[in-house]
Amino acid sequence: MEKAKNVDEYIAAQKAALQGNPGCGTNRYNLAVALMGKKKFDEAEKELIEALESSPNLAEAYVQLGGICLQRGDIDGCLAYNQQSIKVRAGFAEGHGNVGFIQLQKGNIDEAITALQKAITYNSNFLQAYTTLANAYLMKGLIDESIEANLKALRIEPMFSVAHNNLAIGYLEKGEYSKAIEHCDKAVELGFEVAPQILEEINNHRK
């Protein structure tokens, strides 16, 4: 099949393929993702549900359905779909990562930590999972663990501004002000909007 020149052409190609093979879960999934790109969430949802009827173990489809729920502000629906994604594929790192993120939003810190630890077990390069885990540790008062998770994120991507910002906060908590200043400055340099109260506190410790 020729490469589509744009999303509309890609959508048309997927629809054409489905006419010849309506039971193909992968085609339906690809169509749904393209529809989500066009913000056609209701159509995408319908395709994802049909994709799962054809391919019940398509964990990615559950994650996308969770994303649609999140668009609608339905955090519990999002959690349920992501939990379903790891039910059909136990080692699905993205599903575990999303469960962890949502549990943290809901204030369930221990559940978040458990899910995020699983996410990085299944994908040791899962950048967002490390920084979300670091936030969860910070909220639980586990400063050293939070710093370690952020440093692991920076080993994967040294220019990840979120991790630098988190490290600035972690080192502030520990009273290691020179390291806090270094990571805060790096976060700002990389375009991260550091919270004003953190900037103020950091500035108070500049020589």
Protein backbone atom coordinates (compact mmCIF):
# COMPACT_ATOMS: atom_id res chain seq x y z
CA MET A 1 0.00 0.00 0.00
CA GLU A 2 1.32 3.48 -0.87
CA LYS A 3 2.21 5.74 2.01
CA ALA A 4 -0.67 8.10 2.76
CA LYS A 5 0.11 11.79 2.18
CA ASN A 6 -2.03 12.96 5.11
CA VAL A 7 -4.35 11.74 7.87
CA ASP A 8 -7.49 11.93 5.72
CA GLU A 9 -5.88 9.77 3.03
CA TYR A 10 -4.69 7.33 5.73
CA ILE A 11 -8.23 7.13 7.18
CA ALA A 12 -9.65 6.47 3.73
CA ALA A 13 -7.08 3.71 3.13
CA GLN A 14 -7.90 2.01 6.45
CA LYS A 15 -11.64 2.18 5.68
CA ALA A 16 -11.03 0.68 2.25
CA ALA A 17 -8.97 -2.15 3.78
CA LEU A 18 -11.78 -2.83 6.26
CA GLN A 19 -14.32 -3.21 3.46
CA GLY A 20 -12.29 -6.14 2.20
CA ASN A 21 -11.60 -7.52 5.68
CA PRO A 22 -14.06 -6.13 8.25
CA GLY A 23 -12.84 -8.48 10.98
CA CYS A 24 -9.29 -7.08 11.08
CA GLY A 25 -8.74 -5.67 14.58
CA THR A 26 -5.41 -4.07 13.64
CA ASN A 27 -6.95 -2.06 10.78
CA ARG A 28 -9.74 -0.89 13.07
CA TYR A 29 -7.20 0.08 15.73
CA ASN A 30 -5.10 2.03 13.20
CA LEU A 31 -8.25 3.77 11.93
CA ALA A 32 -9.26 4.65 15.52
CA VAL A 33 -5.85 6.19 16.31
CA ALA A 34 -6.05 8.31 13.14
CA LEU A 35 -9.59 9.42 14.07
CA MET A 36 -8.34 10.39 17.53
CA GLY A 37 -5.69 12.51 15.83
CA LYS A 38 -8.58 14.37 14.15
CA LYS A 39 -10.34 14.63 17.55
CA LYS A 40 -13.20 12.43 16.28
CA PHE A 41 -13.41 10.63 19.62
CA ASP A 42 -16.92 9.14 19.25
CA GLU A 43 -16.03 7.52 15.92
CA ALA A 44 -12.69 6.34 17.32
CA GLU A 45 -14.39 4.80 20.35
CA LYS A 46 -16.74 2.81 18.11
CA GLU A 47 -13.80 1.48 16.03
CA LEU A 48 -11.80 0.54 19.15
CA ILE A 49 -14.73 -1.41 20.60
CA GLU A 50 -15.13 -3.24 17.29
CA ALA A 51 -11.36 -3.86 17.16
CA LEU A 52 -11.58 -5.54 20.57
CA GLU A 53 -14.46 -7.72 19.39
CA SER A 54 -12.13 -9.03 16.67
CA SER A 55 -8.92 -9.01 18.76
CA PRO A 56 -9.82 -9.25 22.47
CA ASN A 57 -6.16 -9.21 23.56
CA LEU A 58 -5.33 -5.92 21.82
CA ALA A 59 -4.08 -4.19 24.98
CA GLU A 60 -3.28 -0.99 23.07
CA ALA A 61 -6.97 -0.56 22.20
CA TYR A 62 -7.88 -0.52 25.90
CA VAL A 63 -5.25 2.16 26.50
CA GLN A 64 -6.68 4.30 23.69
CA LEU A 65 -10.20 3.87 25.11
CA GLY A 66 -8.77 5.04 28.41
CA GLY A 67 -7.37 8.09 26.63
CA ILE A 68 -10.84 8.90 25.26
CA CYS A 69 -12.27 8.63 28.79
CA LEU A 70 -9.60 11.04 30.02
CA GLN A 71 -10.58 13.49 27.24
CA ARG A 72 -14.11 13.40 28.68
CA GLY A 73 -12.89 13.87 32.25
CA ASP A 74 -13.84 10.29 33.18
CA ILE A 75 -10.82 9.32 35.29
CA ASP A 76 -12.46 6.14 36.66
CA GLY A 77 -13.31 4.94 33.14
CA CYS A 78 -9.72 5.61 32.12
CA LEU A 79 -8.43 3.59 35.08
CA ALA A 80 -10.79 0.69 34.32
CA TYR A 81 -9.70 0.46 30.66
CA ASN A 82 -6.01 0.56 31.57
CA GLN A 83 -6.54 -2.12 34.21
CA GLN A 84 -8.21 -4.20 31.49
CA SER A 85 -5.16 -3.67 29.23
CA ILE A 86 -2.88 -5.36 31.78
CA LYS A 87 -5.45 -8.08 32.40
CA VAL A 88 -5.20 -9.14 28.75
CA ARG A 89 -1.42 -8.58 28.61
CA ALA A 90 0.27 -8.79 32.01
CA GLY A 91 3.60 -7.38 30.86
CA PHE A 92 2.16 -4.32 29.10
CA ALA A 93 4.33 -1.50 30.47
CA GLU A 94 2.20 1.34 29.10
CA GLY A 95 -0.90 0.00 30.82
CA HIS A 96 0.91 -0.27 34.17
CA GLY A 97 2.34 3.23 33.69
CA ASN A 98 -1.09 4.70 33.01
CA VAL A 99 -2.63 2.90 35.99
CA GLY A 100 0.13 4.38 38.14
CA PHE A 101 -0.42 7.88 36.77
CA ILE A 102 -4.18 7.72 37.36
CA GLN A 103 -3.84 6.24 40.84
CA LEU A 104 -1.53 9.14 41.71
CA GLN A 105 -4.15 11.61 40.39
CA LYS A 106 -6.68 9.91 42.66
CA GLY A 107 -4.34 10.22 45.66
CA ASN A 108 -3.72 6.45 45.91
CA ILE A 109 0.05 6.76 46.33
CA ASP A 110 0.87 3.16 47.33
CA GLU A 111 -1.16 1.73 44.41
CA ALA A 112 0.56 4.22 42.09
CA ILE A 113 4.03 3.18 43.26
CA THR A 114 3.23 -0.54 42.79
CA ALA A 115 1.95 0.02 39.23
CA LEU A 116 4.83 2.31 38.23
CA GLN A 117 7.44 -0.10 39.58
CA LYS A 118 5.87 -2.79 37.38
CA ALA A 119 5.92 -0.41 34.38
CA ILE A 120 9.68 0.11 34.64
CA THR A 121 10.24 -3.62 35.31
CA TYR A 122 8.61 -4.37 31.95
CA ASN A 123 10.23 -1.40 30.17
CA SER A 124 13.45 -0.16 31.75
CA ASN A 125 13.51 2.85 29.38
CA PHE A 126 10.01 4.12 30.26
CA LEU A 127 10.91 7.75 30.85
CA GLN A 128 7.51 9.06 32.03
CA ALA A 129 7.10 6.13 34.42
CA TYR A 130 10.35 7.03 36.20
CA THR A 131 9.36 10.67 36.69
CA THR A 132 5.80 9.79 37.78
CA LEU A 133 7.27 7.24 40.20
CA ALA A 134 9.64 9.95 41.46
CA ASN A 135 6.64 12.22 42.14
CA ALA A 136 4.87 9.41 43.99
CA TYR A 137 7.96 8.81 46.14
CA LEU A 138 8.21 12.56 46.84
CA MET A 139 4.55 12.67 47.94
CA LYS A 140 5.26 9.78 50.30
CA GLY A 141 8.30 11.54 51.74
CA LEU A 142 10.76 9.03 50.20
CA ILE A 143 13.21 11.71 49.04
CA ASP A 144 16.21 9.45 48.28
CA GLU A 145 14.05 7.07 46.23
CA SER A 146 12.56 10.06 44.36
CA ILE A 147 16.03 11.40 43.52
CA GLU A 148 17.20 7.96 42.36
CA ALA A 149 14.17 7.54 40.04
CA ASN A 150 14.80 10.97 38.49
CA LEU A 151 18.51 10.23 38.01
CA LYS A 152 17.53 7.01 36.19
CA ALA A 153 15.27 9.08 33.92
CA LEU A 154 18.21 11.39 33.14
CA ARG A 155 20.40 8.40 32.27
CA ILE A 156 17.85 7.60 29.57
CA GLU A 157 17.32 11.22 28.44
CA PRO A 158 19.77 13.79 29.92
CA MET A 159 17.72 16.70 28.57
CA PHE A 160 14.42 15.67 30.19
CA SER A 161 13.40 18.92 31.87
CA VAL A 162 10.74 17.36 34.14
CA ALA A 163 13.39 15.18 35.83
CA HIS A 164 15.67 18.20 36.35
CA ASN A 165 12.79 20.11 37.94
CA ASN A 166 11.96 17.15 40.20
CA LEU A 167 15.61 16.83 41.23
CA ALA A 168 15.71 20.52 42.15
CA ILE A 169 12.79 19.89 44.52
CA GLY A 170 14.30 16.66 45.90
CA TYR A 171 17.68 18.24 46.60
CA LEU A 172 16.00 21.27 48.19
CA GLU A 173 14.22 18.88 50.56
CA LYS A 174 17.56 17.31 51.47
CA GLY A 175 19.28 20.67 51.94
CA GLU A 176 21.73 19.96 49.08
CA TYR A 177 21.39 23.45 47.69
CA SER A 178 24.18 23.50 45.09
CA LYS A 179 22.67 20.42 43.39
CA ALA A 180 19.18 21.95 43.66
CA ILE A 181 20.42 25.14 41.96
CA GLU A 182 22.19 23.16 39.21
CA HIS A 183 19.10 21.11 38.31
CA CYS A 184 16.72 24.08 38.62
CA ASP A 185 18.88 26.11 36.21
CA LYS A 186 18.99 23.17 33.79
CA ALA A 187 15.18 22.78 33.91
CA VAL A 188 14.74 26.51 33.15
CA GLU A 189 17.34 26.36 30.37
CA LEU A 190 15.39 23.48 28.80
CA GLY A 191 12.19 25.55 28.85
CA PHE A 192 10.47 24.10 31.93
CA GLU A 193 8.30 26.49 33.92
CA VAL A 194 9.57 25.95 37.45
CA ALA A 195 7.00 26.90 40.11
CA PRO A 196 7.60 30.47 41.38
CA GLN A 197 7.87 29.37 45.02
CA ILE A 198 10.58 26.84 44.10
CA LEU A 199 12.49 29.48 42.13
CA GLU A 200 12.24 31.86 45.06
CA GLU A 201 13.50 29.27 47.52
CA ILE A 202 16.37 28.30 45.17
CA ASN A 203 17.34 31.97 44.72
CA ASN A 204 17.55 32.36 48.49
CA HIS A 205 20.35 29.77 48.49
CA ARG A 206 22.44 31.28 45.70
CA LYS A 207 25.79 32.60 46.90
